[in-house]
Amino acid sequence: MFDIRTKDISTILNEIEAKRIELENYVKNEGMISANVIRTSQELDVLIYEIQKRQSPSK
């Protein structure tokens, strides 16, 4: 794991997105979908959303 305090948000977002895609590709290639894989992908989506919210200017 990396220390997110040392990276800018866009770098973190890119790394999270890459991991999510890697996970999805693994599932497609192996032909198996488990509850853990689905949960992990959903958790990554939530992390991406939360970081994007922080980037947005407060209204």
Protein backbone atom coordinates (compact mmCIF):
# COMPACT_ATOMS: atom_id res chain seq x y z
CA MET A 1 0.00 0.00 0.00
CA PHE A 2 1.15 3.55 -0.55
CA ASP A 3 0.87 6.62 1.62
CA ILE A 4 -1.86 8.70 0.00
CA ARG A 5 -0.67 11.81 1.83
CA THR A 6 2.35 11.93 -0.47
CA LYS A 7 0.39 11.81 -3.72
CA ASP A 8 -1.97 14.22 -5.39
CA ILE A 9 -5.60 13.22 -5.79
CA SER A 10 -5.47 12.75 -9.55
CA THR A 11 -2.58 10.29 -9.20
CA ILE A 12 -4.50 8.34 -6.57
CA LEU A 13 -7.61 8.32 -8.75
CA ASN A 14 -5.61 6.99 -11.69
CA GLU A 15 -4.10 4.22 -9.57
CA ILE A 16 -7.48 3.23 -8.15
CA GLU A 17 -9.06 3.19 -11.60
CA ALA A 18 -6.20 1.06 -12.96
CA LYS A 19 -6.66 -1.44 -10.12
CA ARG A 20 -10.42 -1.59 -10.72
CA ILE A 21 -9.86 -2.31 -14.42
CA GLU A 22 -7.20 -4.90 -13.58
CA LEU A 23 -9.65 -6.61 -11.25
CA GLU A 24 -12.42 -6.64 -13.85
CA ASN A 25 -10.06 -8.00 -16.51
CA TYR A 26 -8.89 -10.76 -14.19
CA VAL A 27 -12.48 -11.80 -13.60
CA LYS A 28 -13.23 -11.81 -17.33
CA ASN A 29 -10.09 -13.78 -18.16
CA GLU A 30 -10.59 -16.36 -15.43
CA GLY A 31 -14.31 -16.63 -16.07
CA MET A 32 -15.16 -16.49 -12.40
CA ILE A 33 -17.02 -13.89 -10.42
CA SER A 34 -17.04 -14.16 -6.66
CA ALA A 35 -18.75 -12.03 -4.05
CA ASN A 36 -15.32 -10.76 -2.98
CA VAL A 37 -14.49 -9.56 -6.48
CA ILE A 38 -17.82 -7.78 -6.83
CA ARG A 39 -17.46 -6.20 -3.39
CA THR A 40 -13.91 -5.05 -4.10
CA SER A 41 -14.94 -3.46 -7.37
CA GLN A 42 -17.82 -1.67 -5.67
CA GLU A 43 -15.52 -0.46 -2.89
CA LEU A 44 -13.13 0.95 -5.47
CA ASP A 45 -16.02 2.76 -7.16
CA VAL A 46 -16.96 4.30 -3.80
CA LEU A 47 -13.37 5.41 -3.19
CA ILE A 48 -13.23 7.05 -6.61
CA TYR A 49 -16.52 8.83 -5.94
CA GLU A 50 -15.38 10.05 -2.51
CA ILE A 51 -12.12 11.45 -3.89
CA GLN A 52 -13.94 13.14 -6.76
CA LYS A 53 -16.30 14.73 -4.23
CA ARG A 54 -13.31 16.14 -2.36
CA GLN A 55 -11.94 17.59 -5.58
CA SER A 56 -15.19 19.37 -6.39
CA PRO A 57 -15.49 22.94 -5.16
CA SER A 58 -17.79 23.27 -2.16
CA LYS A 59 -21.09 24.87 -2.90
